[in-house]
PDB file of N, CA and C in Angstrom:
ATOM      1  N   MET A   1      12.017  -5.987 -39.961  1.00  0.00           N
ATOM      2  CA  MET A   1      11.027  -6.182 -39.068  1.00  0.00           C
ATOM      3  C   MET A   1      11.187  -5.247 -37.835  1.00  0.00           C
ATOM      4  N   ARG A   2      10.248  -4.669 -37.346  1.00  0.00           N
ATOM      5  CA  ARG A   2      10.330  -3.668 -36.347  1.00  0.00           C
ATOM      6  C   ARG A   2      10.484  -4.443 -34.972  1.00  0.00           C
ATOM      7  N   ASP A   3      11.475  -3.863 -34.161  1.00  0.00           N
ATOM      8  CA  ASP A   3      11.811  -4.572 -32.947  1.00  0.00           C
ATOM      9  C   ASP A   3      10.710  -4.393 -31.821  1.00  0.00           C
ATOM     10  N   ASP A   4       9.992  -3.391 -31.909  1.00  0.00           N
ATOM     11  CA  ASP A   4       9.021  -3.153 -30.804  1.00  0.00           C
ATOM     12  C   ASP A   4       7.697  -3.853 -31.031  1.00  0.00           C
ATOM     13  N   ILE A   5       7.544  -4.699 -32.012  1.00  0.00           N
ATOM     14  CA  ILE A   5       6.309  -5.511 -32.188  1.00  0.00           C
ATOM     15  C   ILE A   5       6.810  -7.017 -32.056  1.00  0.00           C
ATOM     16  N   SER A   6       6.004  -7.752 -31.176  1.00  0.00           N
ATOM     17  CA  SER A   6       6.362  -9.006 -30.927  1.00  0.00           C
ATOM     18  C   SER A   6       6.045  -9.945 -32.198  1.00  0.00           C
ATOM     19  N   GLU A   7       6.741 -11.146 -32.142  1.00  0.00           N
ATOM     20  CA  GLU A   7       6.421 -12.129 -33.277  1.00  0.00           C
ATOM     21  C   GLU A   7       4.965 -12.456 -33.359  1.00  0.00           C
ATOM     22  N   GLU A   8       4.414 -12.670 -32.103  1.00  0.00           N
ATOM     23  CA  GLU A   8       2.938 -13.035 -32.038  1.00  0.00           C
ATOM     24  C   GLU A   8       2.146 -11.922 -32.620  1.00  0.00           C
ATOM     25  N   LYS A   9       2.407 -10.669 -32.364  1.00  0.00           N
ATOM     26  CA  LYS A   9       1.652  -9.619 -32.968  1.00  0.00           C
ATOM     27  C   LYS A   9       1.783  -9.489 -34.417  1.00  0.00           C
ATOM     28  N   TRP A  10       2.951  -9.714 -34.976  1.00  0.00           N
ATOM     29  CA  TRP A  10       3.182  -9.774 -36.450  1.00  0.00           C
ATOM     30  C   TRP A  10       2.273 -10.921 -36.991  1.00  0.00           C
ATOM     31  N   MET A  11       2.390 -12.060 -36.411  1.00  0.00           N
ATOM     32  CA  MET A  11       1.552 -13.171 -36.872  1.00  0.00           C
ATOM     33  C   MET A  11       0.124 -12.849 -36.906  1.00  0.00           C
ATOM     34  N   ALA A  12      -0.383 -12.212 -35.925  1.00  0.00           N
ATOM     35  CA  ALA A  12      -1.858 -11.885 -35.866  1.00  0.00           C
ATOM     36  C   ALA A  12      -2.112 -10.781 -37.004  1.00  0.00           C
ATOM     37  N   ILE A  13      -1.234  -9.808 -37.175  1.00  0.00           N
ATOM     38  CA  ILE A  13      -1.481  -8.867 -38.271  1.00  0.00           C
ATOM     39  C   ILE A  13      -1.502  -9.530 -39.578  1.00  0.00           C
ATOM     40  N   LEU A  14      -0.520 -10.406 -39.860  1.00  0.00           N
ATOM     41  CA  LEU A  14      -0.405 -11.064 -41.202  1.00  0.00           C
ATOM     42  C   LEU A  14      -1.530 -12.121 -41.427  1.00  0.00           C
ATOM     43  N   GLN A  15      -1.981 -12.770 -40.350  1.00  0.00           N
ATOM     44  CA  GLN A  15      -2.992 -13.826 -40.553  1.00  0.00           C
ATOM     45  C   GLN A  15      -4.411 -13.090 -40.827  1.00  0.00           C
ATOM     46  N   ASN A  16      -4.584 -11.925 -40.449  1.00  0.00           N
ATOM     47  CA  ASN A  16      -5.818 -11.169 -40.547  1.00  0.00           C
ATOM     48  C   ASN A  16      -5.831 -10.227 -41.941  1.00  0.00           C
ATOM     49  N   LEU A  17      -4.810 -10.362 -42.635  1.00  0.00           N
ATOM     50  CA  LEU A  17      -4.834  -9.529 -43.855  1.00  0.00           C
ATOM     51  C   LEU A  17      -5.904 -10.053 -44.814  1.00  0.00           C
ATOM     52  N   ARG A  18      -6.514  -9.125 -45.483  1.00  0.00           N
ATOM     53  CA  ARG A  18      -7.406  -9.459 -46.615  1.00  0.00           C
ATOM     54  C   ARG A  18      -6.789  -9.067 -47.954  1.00  0.00           C
ATOM     55  N   GLU A  19      -7.332  -9.628 -48.905  1.00  0.00           N
ATOM     56  CA  GLU A  19      -6.731  -9.342 -50.225  1.00  0.00           C
ATOM     57  C   GLU A  19      -6.802  -7.824 -50.580  1.00  0.00           C
ATOM     58  N   GLU A  20      -7.849  -7.078 -50.262  1.00  0.00           N
ATOM     59  CA  GLU A  20      -7.919  -5.718 -50.449  1.00  0.00           C
ATOM     60  C   GLU A  20      -6.974  -4.816 -49.676  1.00  0.00           C
ATOM     61  N   ASP A  21      -6.262  -5.539 -48.602  1.00  0.00           N
ATOM     62  CA  ASP A  21      -5.469  -4.838 -47.730  1.00  0.00           C
ATOM     63  C   ASP A  21      -3.938  -4.731 -48.405  1.00  0.00           C
ATOM     64  N   VAL A  22      -3.797  -5.540 -49.422  1.00  0.00           N
ATOM     65  CA  VAL A  22      -2.403  -5.731 -49.940  1.00  0.00           C
ATOM     66  C   VAL A  22      -2.393  -5.113 -51.319  1.00  0.00           C
ATOM     67  N   GLU A  23      -1.393  -4.230 -51.598  1.00  0.00           N
ATOM     68  CA  GLU A  23      -1.159  -3.723 -52.956  1.00  0.00           C
ATOM     69  C   GLU A  23       0.233  -4.198 -53.372  1.00  0.00           C
ATOM     70  N   TRP A  24       0.135  -5.038 -54.492  1.00  0.00           N
ATOM     71  CA  TRP A  24       1.335  -5.547 -54.982  1.00  0.00           C
ATOM     72  C   TRP A  24       2.101  -4.573 -55.977  1.00  0.00           C
ATOM     73  N   ARG A  25       3.322  -4.206 -55.492  1.00  0.00           N
ATOM     74  CA  ARG A  25       4.090  -3.223 -56.294  1.00  0.00           C
ATOM     75  C   ARG A  25       5.543  -3.613 -56.313  1.00  0.00           C
ATOM     76  N   ALA A  26       6.086  -3.273 -57.389  1.00  0.00           N
ATOM     77  CA  ALA A  26       7.668  -3.423 -57.469  1.00  0.00           C
ATOM     78  C   ALA A  26       8.171  -1.960 -57.649  1.00  0.00           C
ATOM     79  N   PRO A  27       9.104  -1.591 -56.910  1.00  0.00           N
ATOM     80  CA  PRO A  27       9.666  -0.250 -57.022  1.00  0.00           C
ATOM     81  C   PRO A  27      10.189   0.170 -58.331  1.00  0.00           C
ATOM     82  N   TRP A  28      10.573  -0.810 -59.161  1.00  0.00           N
ATOM     83  CA  TRP A  28      11.180  -0.484 -60.501  1.00  0.00           C
ATOM     84  C   TRP A  28      10.101  -0.405 -61.593  1.00  0.00           C
ATOM     85  N   LEU A  29       8.880  -0.748 -61.264  1.00  0.00           N
ATOM     86  CA  LEU A  29       7.786  -0.676 -62.212  1.00  0.00           C
ATOM     87  C   LEU A  29       7.194   0.695 -62.318  1.00  0.00           C
ATOM     88  N   LEU A  30       6.902   1.184 -63.541  1.00  0.00           N
ATOM     89  CA  LEU A  30       6.292   2.516 -63.672  1.00  0.00           C
ATOM     90  C   LEU A  30       4.789   2.257 -63.928  1.00  0.00           C
ATOM     91  N   PRO A  31       3.988   3.327 -63.791  1.00  0.00           N
ATOM     92  CA  PRO A  31       2.452   3.205 -63.994  1.00  0.00           C
ATOM     93  C   PRO A  31       2.227   2.538 -65.436  1.00  0.00           C
ATOM     94  N   TYR A  32       1.138   1.852 -65.489  1.00  0.00           N
ATOM     95  CA  TYR A  32       0.822   1.213 -66.740  1.00  0.00           C
ATOM     96  C   TYR A  32       0.638   2.133 -67.943  1.00  0.00           C
ATOM     97  N   GLU A  33       0.234   3.371 -67.658  1.00  0.00           N
ATOM     98  CA  GLU A  33       0.103   4.223 -68.777  1.00  0.00           C
ATOM     99  C   GLU A  33       1.358   4.451 -69.497  1.00  0.00           C
ATOM    100  N   ILE A  34       2.519   4.338 -68.794  1.00  0.00           N
ATOM    101  CA  ILE A  34       3.813   4.531 -69.454  1.00  0.00           C
ATOM    102  C   ILE A  34       4.262   3.271 -70.078  1.00  0.00           C
ATOM    103  N   LEU A  35       4.127   2.193 -69.330  1.00  0.00           N
ATOM    104  CA  LEU A  35       4.690   0.882 -69.770  1.00  0.00           C
ATOM    105  C   LEU A  35       3.992   0.351 -71.067  1.00  0.00           C
ATOM    106  N   TYR A  36       2.598   0.544 -71.176  1.00  0.00           N
ATOM    107  CA  TYR A  36       1.875  -0.114 -72.203  1.00  0.00           C
ATOM    108  C   TYR A  36       1.158   0.811 -73.126  1.00  0.00           C
ATOM    109  N   ARG A  37       1.566   1.937 -73.291  1.00  0.00           N
ATOM    110  CA  ARG A  37       0.860   2.914 -74.232  1.00  0.00           C
ATOM    111  C   ARG A  37       1.682   3.162 -75.426  1.00  0.00           C
ATOM    112  N   CYS A  38       1.053   3.148 -76.567  1.00  0.00           N
ATOM    113  CA  CYS A  38       1.678   3.491 -77.798  1.00  0.00           C
ATOM    114  C   CYS A  38       0.749   4.299 -78.640  1.00  0.00           C
ATOM    115  N   GLY A  39       0.942   5.595 -78.733  1.00  0.00           N
ATOM    116  CA  GLY A  39       0.000   6.512 -79.436  1.00  0.00           C
ATOM    117  C   GLY A  39      -1.311   6.534 -78.537  1.00  0.00           C
ATOM    118  N   ASP A  40      -2.461   6.283 -79.185  1.00  0.00           N
ATOM    119  CA  ASP A  40      -3.787   6.257 -78.532  1.00  0.00           C
ATOM    120  C   ASP A  40      -4.121   4.780 -77.975  1.00  0.00           C
ATOM    121  N   PHE A  41      -3.137   3.848 -78.093  1.00  0.00           N
ATOM    122  CA  PHE A  41      -3.451   2.489 -77.786  1.00  0.00           C
ATOM    123  C   PHE A  41      -2.945   2.196 -76.291  1.00  0.00           C
ATOM    124  N   ASP A  42      -3.845   1.736 -75.402  1.00  0.00           N
ATOM    125  CA  ASP A  42      -3.428   1.647 -74.077  1.00  0.00           C
ATOM    126  C   ASP A  42      -2.587   0.387 -73.912  1.00  0.00           C
ATOM    127  N   TRP A  43      -2.775  -0.596 -74.686  1.00  0.00           N
ATOM    128  CA  TRP A  43      -2.115  -1.934 -74.419  1.00  0.00           C
ATOM    129  C   TRP A  43      -1.585  -2.402 -75.733  1.00  0.00           C
ATOM    130  N   VAL A  44      -0.282  -2.466 -75.917  1.00  0.00           N
ATOM    131  CA  VAL A  44       0.205  -2.961 -77.137  1.00  0.00           C
ATOM    132  C   VAL A  44       1.279  -4.050 -76.816  1.00  0.00           C
ATOM    133  N   PRO A  45       0.920  -5.384 -76.962  1.00  0.00           N
ATOM    134  CA  PRO A  45       1.966  -6.336 -76.627  1.00  0.00           C
ATOM    135  C   PRO A  45       3.069  -6.336 -77.756  1.00  0.00           C
ATOM    136  N   LEU A  46       4.227  -6.452 -77.370  1.00  0.00           N
ATOM    137  CA  LEU A  46       5.384  -6.464 -78.293  1.00  0.00           C
ATOM    138  C   LEU A  46       5.759  -7.928 -78.666  1.00  0.00           C
ATOM    139  N   LEU A  47       6.117  -8.156 -79.908  1.00  0.00           N
ATOM    140  CA  LEU A  47       6.494  -9.431 -80.343  1.00  0.00           C
ATOM    141  C   LEU A  47       8.059  -9.600 -80.222  1.00  0.00           C
ATOM    142  N   GLU A  48       8.522 -10.765 -79.757  1.00  0.00           N
ATOM    143  CA  GLU A  48       9.892 -11.067 -79.764  1.00  0.00           C
ATOM    144  C   GLU A  48      10.069 -12.459 -80.398  1.00  0.00           C
ATOM    145  N   ILE A  49      11.225 -12.921 -80.395  1.00  0.00           N
ATOM    146  CA  ILE A  49      11.519 -14.266 -80.956  1.00  0.00           C
ATOM    147  C   ILE A  49      10.720 -15.328 -80.399  1.00  0.00           C
ATOM    148  N   TRP A  50      10.478 -15.343 -79.082  1.00  0.00           N
ATOM    149  CA  TRP A  50       9.764 -16.379 -78.272  1.00  0.00           C
ATOM    150  C   TRP A  50       8.355 -16.061 -78.149  1.00  0.00           C
ATOM    151  N   GLY A  51       7.783 -15.167 -78.845  1.00  0.00           N
ATOM    152  CA  GLY A  51       6.295 -14.836 -78.806  1.00  0.00           C
ATOM    153  C   GLY A  51       6.021 -13.486 -78.228  1.00  0.00           C
ATOM    154  N   ALA A  52       4.859 -13.237 -78.019  1.00  0.00           N
ATOM    155  CA  ALA A  52       4.413 -11.937 -77.448  1.00  0.00           C
ATOM    156  C   ALA A  52       4.788 -11.799 -76.027  1.00  0.00           C
ATOM    157  N   ILE A  53       5.303 -10.591 -75.685  1.00  0.00           N
ATOM    158  CA  ILE A  53       5.617 -10.378 -74.332  1.00  0.00           C
ATOM    159  C   ILE A  53       4.681  -9.253 -73.749  1.00  0.00           C
ATOM    160  N   GLY A  54       4.450  -9.535 -72.491  1.00  0.00           N
ATOM    161  CA  GLY A  54       3.515  -8.447 -71.758  1.00  0.00           C
ATOM    162  C   GLY A  54       4.341  -7.206 -71.251  1.00  0.00           C
ATOM    163  N   TYR A  55       5.542  -7.548 -70.833  1.00  0.00           N
ATOM    164  CA  TYR A  55       6.377  -6.488 -70.247  1.00  0.00           C
ATOM    165  C   TYR A  55       7.111  -5.852 -71.511  1.00  0.00           C
ATOM    166  N   ALA A  56       6.664  -4.570 -71.692  1.00  0.00           N
ATOM    167  CA  ALA A  56       6.994  -3.922 -72.975  1.00  0.00           C
ATOM    168  C   ALA A  56       8.295  -3.074 -72.732  1.00  0.00           C
ATOM    169  N   LEU A  57       9.352  -3.821 -72.510  1.00  0.00           N
ATOM    170  CA  LEU A  57      10.642  -3.077 -72.332  1.00  0.00           C
ATOM    171  C   LEU A  57      11.024  -2.211 -73.479  1.00  0.00           C
ATOM    172  N   LEU A  58      10.968  -2.678 -74.647  1.00  0.00           N
ATOM    173  CA  LEU A  58      11.342  -1.796 -75.781  1.00  0.00           C
ATOM    174  C   LEU A  58      10.491  -0.563 -75.924  1.00  0.00           C
ATOM    175  N   LEU A  59       9.248  -0.669 -75.565  1.00  0.00           N
ATOM    176  CA  LEU A  59       8.313   0.457 -75.670  1.00  0.00           C
ATOM    177  C   LEU A  59       8.788   1.490 -74.593  1.00  0.00           C
ATOM    178  N   VAL A  60       9.164   1.074 -73.423  1.00  0.00           N
ATOM    179  CA  VAL A  60       9.627   1.915 -72.365  1.00  0.00           C
ATOM    180  C   VAL A  60      10.906   2.633 -72.875  1.00  0.00           C
ATOM    181  N   LEU A  61      11.835   1.902 -73.357  1.00  0.00           N
ATOM    182  CA  LEU A  61      13.090   2.512 -73.835  1.00  0.00           C
ATOM    183  C   LEU A  61      12.810   3.600 -74.962  1.00  0.00           C
ATOM    184  N   ARG A  62      11.909   3.253 -75.834  1.00  0.00           N
ATOM    185  CA  ARG A  62      11.606   4.173 -76.880  1.00  0.00           C
ATOM    186  C   ARG A  62      10.973   5.430 -76.339  1.00  0.00           C
ATOM    187  N   GLN A  63      10.009   5.278 -75.402  1.00  0.00           N
ATOM    188  CA  GLN A  63       9.309   6.412 -74.819  1.00  0.00           C
ATOM    189  C   GLN A  63      10.343   7.336 -74.084  1.00  0.00           C
ATOM    190  N   TYR A  64      11.345   6.820 -73.597  1.00  0.00           N
ATOM    191  CA  TYR A  64      12.317   7.615 -72.764  1.00  0.00           C
ATOM    192  C   TYR A  64      13.444   7.990 -73.792  1.00  0.00           C
ATOM    193  N   ARG A  65      13.197   7.756 -74.991  1.00  0.00           N
ATOM    194  CA  ARG A  65      14.246   8.246 -76.096  1.00  0.00           C
ATOM    195  C   ARG A  65      15.677   7.657 -75.805  1.00  0.00           C
ATOM    196  N   SER A  66      15.687   6.396 -75.368  1.00  0.00           N
ATOM    197  CA  SER A  66      16.958   5.780 -75.049  1.00  0.00           C
ATOM    198  C   SER A  66      17.678   5.512 -76.278  1.00  0.00           C
ATOM    199  N   ARG A  67      19.066   5.785 -76.164  1.00  0.00           N
ATOM    200  CA  ARG A  67      19.918   5.514 -77.319  1.00  0.00           C
ATOM    201  C   ARG A  67      20.110   3.955 -77.612  1.00  0.00           C
ATOM    202  N   GLN A  68      19.699   3.214 -76.568  1.00  0.00           N
ATOM    203  CA  GLN A  68      19.964   1.782 -76.698  1.00  0.00           C
ATOM    204  C   GLN A  68      18.768   1.072 -77.331  1.00  0.00           C
ATOM    205  N   PHE A  69      17.835   1.805 -77.857  1.00  0.00           N
ATOM    206  CA  PHE A  69      16.628   1.164 -78.422  1.00  0.00           C
ATOM    207  C   PHE A  69      16.901   0.574 -79.724  1.00  0.00           C
ATOM    208  N   ILE A  70      16.715  -0.814 -79.770  1.00  0.00           N
ATOM    209  CA  ILE A  70      16.998  -1.584 -80.960  1.00  0.00           C
ATOM    210  C   ILE A  70      15.717  -2.510 -81.075  1.00  0.00           C
ATOM    211  N   PRO A  71      14.882  -2.276 -82.221  1.00  0.00           N
ATOM    212  CA  PRO A  71      13.722  -3.090 -82.251  1.00  0.00           C
ATOM    213  C   PRO A  71      14.128  -4.560 -82.633  1.00  0.00           C
ATOM    214  N   THR A  72      13.374  -5.455 -82.014  1.00  0.00           N
ATOM    215  CA  THR A  72      13.643  -6.917 -82.219  1.00  0.00           C
ATOM    216  C   THR A  72      12.927  -7.371 -83.538  1.00  0.00           C
ATOM    217  N   THR A  73      13.576  -7.668 -84.583  1.00  0.00           N
ATOM    218  CA  THR A  73      12.869  -8.104 -85.830  1.00  0.00           C
ATOM    219  C   THR A  73      13.250  -9.554 -86.216  1.00  0.00           C
ATOM    220  N   HIS A  74      14.253 -10.109 -85.617  1.00  0.00           N
ATOM    221  CA  HIS A  74      14.777 -11.443 -85.949  1.00  0.00           C
ATOM    222  C   HIS A  74      13.690 -12.430 -85.944  1.00  0.00           C
ATOM    223  N   GLY A  75      13.425 -13.235 -86.977  1.00  0.00           N
ATOM    224  CA  GLY A  75      12.380 -14.218 -86.956  1.00  0.00           C
ATOM    225  C   GLY A  75      10.906 -13.786 -87.068  1.00  0.00           C
ATOM    226  N   LEU A  76      10.792 -12.579 -87.225  1.00  0.00           N
ATOM    227  CA  LEU A  76       9.424 -11.970 -87.386  1.00  0.00           C
ATOM    228  C   LEU A  76       8.651 -12.457 -88.587  1.00  0.00           C
ATOM    229  N   ALA A  77       9.305 -12.720 -89.709  1.00  0.00           N
ATOM    230  CA  ALA A  77       8.717 -13.131 -90.931  1.00  0.00           C
ATOM    231  C   ALA A  77       8.154 -14.578 -90.716  1.00  0.00           C
ATOM    232  N   GLU A  78       8.721 -15.331 -89.808  1.00  0.00           N
ATOM    233  CA  GLU A  78       8.285 -16.777 -89.553  1.00  0.00           C
ATOM    234  C   GLU A  78       7.143 -16.921 -88.682  1.00  0.00           C
ATOM    235  N   CYS A  79       6.737 -15.725 -88.024  1.00  0.00           N
ATOM    236  CA  CYS A  79       5.759 -15.830 -86.934  1.00  0.00           C
ATOM    237  C   CYS A  79       4.396 -15.987 -87.483  1.00  0.00           C
ATOM    238  N   GLU A  80       3.586 -16.674 -86.800  1.00  0.00           N
ATOM    239  CA  GLU A  80       2.140 -16.872 -87.132  1.00  0.00           C
ATOM    240  C   GLU A  80       1.276 -16.081 -86.311  1.00  0.00           C
ATOM    241  N   PHE A  81       0.296 -15.230 -86.947  1.00  0.00           N
ATOM    242  CA  PHE A  81      -0.554 -14.425 -86.064  1.00  0.00           C
ATOM    243  C   PHE A  81      -1.884 -14.832 -86.288  1.00  0.00           C
ATOM    244  N   SER A  82      -2.692 -14.764 -85.291  1.00  0.00           N
ATOM    245  CA  SER A  82      -4.043 -15.086 -85.300  1.00  0.00           C
ATOM    246  C   SER A  82      -4.910 -13.836 -84.736  1.00  0.00           C
ATOM    247  N   TYR A  83      -5.738 -13.428 -85.645  1.00  0.00           N
ATOM    248  CA  TYR A  83      -6.521 -12.170 -85.345  1.00  0.00           C
ATOM    249  C   TYR A  83      -7.971 -12.578 -85.446  1.00  0.00           C
ATOM    250  N   GLY A  84      -8.756 -11.810 -84.699  1.00  0.00           N
ATOM    251  CA  GLY A  84     -10.179 -12.061 -84.844  1.00  0.00           C
ATOM    252  C   GLY A  84     -11.014 -10.733 -84.701  1.00  0.00           C
ATOM    253  N   GLY A  85     -12.187 -10.735 -85.129  1.00  0.00           N
ATOM    254  CA  GLY A  85     -13.030  -9.442 -85.096  1.00  0.00           C
ATOM    255  C   GLY A  85     -12.874  -8.737 -86.446  1.00  0.00           C
ATOM    256  N   ASP A  86     -13.880  -7.834 -86.491  1.00  0.00           N
ATOM    257  CA  ASP A  86     -13.883  -7.001 -87.728  1.00  0.00           C
ATOM    258  C   ASP A  86     -12.893  -5.898 -87.606  1.00  0.00           C
ATOM    259  N   GLY A  87     -12.349  -5.539 -88.718  1.00  0.00           N
ATOM    260  CA  GLY A  87     -11.361  -4.388 -88.873  1.00  0.00           C
ATOM    261  C   GLY A  87     -10.143  -4.612 -88.145  1.00  0.00           C
ATOM    262  N   TYR A  88      -9.636  -5.880 -88.028  1.00  0.00           N
ATOM    263  CA  TYR A  88      -8.352  -6.059 -87.251  1.00  0.00           C
ATOM    264  C   TYR A  88      -7.146  -5.553 -88.130  1.00  0.00           C
ATOM    265  N   LYS A  89      -7.178  -5.635 -89.407  1.00  0.00           N
ATOM    266  CA  LYS A  89      -6.068  -5.054 -90.125  1.00  0.00           C
ATOM    267  C   LYS A  89      -5.905  -3.561 -90.021  1.00  0.00           C
ATOM    268  N   LYS A  90      -7.037  -2.910 -89.924  1.00  0.00           N
ATOM    269  CA  LYS A  90      -7.045  -1.443 -89.638  1.00  0.00           C
ATOM    270  C   LYS A  90      -6.363  -1.146 -88.322  1.00  0.00           C
ATOM    271  N   LYS A  91      -6.817  -1.918 -87.289  1.00  0.00           N
ATOM    272  CA  LYS A  91      -6.252  -1.699 -85.957  1.00  0.00           C
ATOM    273  C   LYS A  91      -4.744  -2.006 -85.904  1.00  0.00           C
ATOM    274  N   ILE A  92      -4.352  -3.005 -86.554  1.00  0.00           N
ATOM    275  CA  ILE A  92      -2.884  -3.401 -86.558  1.00  0.00           C
ATOM    276  C   ILE A  92      -2.096  -2.257 -87.354  1.00  0.00           C
ATOM    277  N   ARG A  93      -2.654  -1.792 -88.422  1.00  0.00           N
ATOM    278  CA  ARG A  93      -2.047  -0.626 -89.147  1.00  0.00           C
ATOM    279  C   ARG A  93      -1.908   0.648 -88.251  1.00  0.00           C
ATOM    280  N   GLU A  94      -3.049   0.928 -87.601  1.00  0.00           N
ATOM    281  CA  GLU A  94      -3.064   2.106 -86.673  1.00  0.00           C
ATOM    282  C   GLU A  94      -1.935   1.967 -85.557  1.00  0.00           C
ATOM    283  N   MET A  95      -1.780   0.794 -84.956  1.00  0.00           N
ATOM    284  CA  MET A  95      -0.837   0.576 -83.942  1.00  0.00           C
ATOM    285  C   MET A  95       0.536   0.628 -84.560  1.00  0.00           C
ATOM    286  N   SER A  96       0.806   0.121 -85.766  1.00  0.00           N
ATOM    287  CA  SER A  96       2.036   0.243 -86.387  1.00  0.00           C
ATOM    288  C   SER A  96       2.476   1.616 -86.637  1.00  0.00           C
ATOM    289  N   ASN A  97       1.439   2.422 -87.214  1.00  0.00           N
ATOM    290  CA  ASN A  97       1.694   3.803 -87.449  1.00  0.00           C
ATOM    291  C   ASN A  97       2.083   4.593 -86.158  1.00  0.00           C
ATOM    292  N   ALA A  98       1.333   4.313 -84.991  1.00  0.00           N
ATOM    293  CA  ALA A  98       1.618   5.010 -83.799  1.00  0.00           C
ATOM    294  C   ALA A  98       3.089   4.572 -83.394  1.00  0.00           C
ATOM    295  N   TRP A  99       3.436   3.342 -83.537  1.00  0.00           N
ATOM    296  CA  TRP A  99       4.729   2.964 -83.086  1.00  0.00           C
ATOM    297  C   TRP A  99       5.880   3.607 -83.871  1.00  0.00           C
ATOM    298  N   ASN A 100       5.612   3.859 -85.098  1.00  0.00           N
ATOM    299  CA  ASN A 100       6.641   4.434 -86.025  1.00  0.00           C
ATOM    300  C   ASN A 100       6.675   5.954 -85.878  1.00  0.00           C
ATOM    301  N   GLN A 101       5.836   6.638 -85.122  1.00  0.00           N
ATOM    302  CA  GLN A 101       5.927   8.118 -84.969  1.00  0.00           C
ATOM    303  C   GLN A 101       6.975   8.512 -84.105  1.00  0.00           C
TER     304      GLN A 101
END
C-alpha cells in the first residue's frame, strides 16, 4: 500500500471500482493461445484420472518441448465419454492427430 494515500482515500477508490475497471490476471499464467491450443484447435480439454481439466498443464509442457512431458493415460480405458452433434468422431480424430504431431 502506498504511504502517501490515506486509508479513507483507498476505501473510496476501492468502493467505486466497477467490474470493467478490474482485470484479473495471475503473473504465472500465459495467454490463452498458448495454454489451450493444439494444432488448429483453440480449446482442447485434457483428460486425467479425475476427469477433464481446464488447465492444460501437459499441453503447455509439450508446447515448450519439456523433457518432463509424460502423458497421463492411467484409467483412460475406464472413462466414459459423452459426445453430441454431427461429426464428433471426426473432430476427436483431428484433435488426436494434432496432439500427436
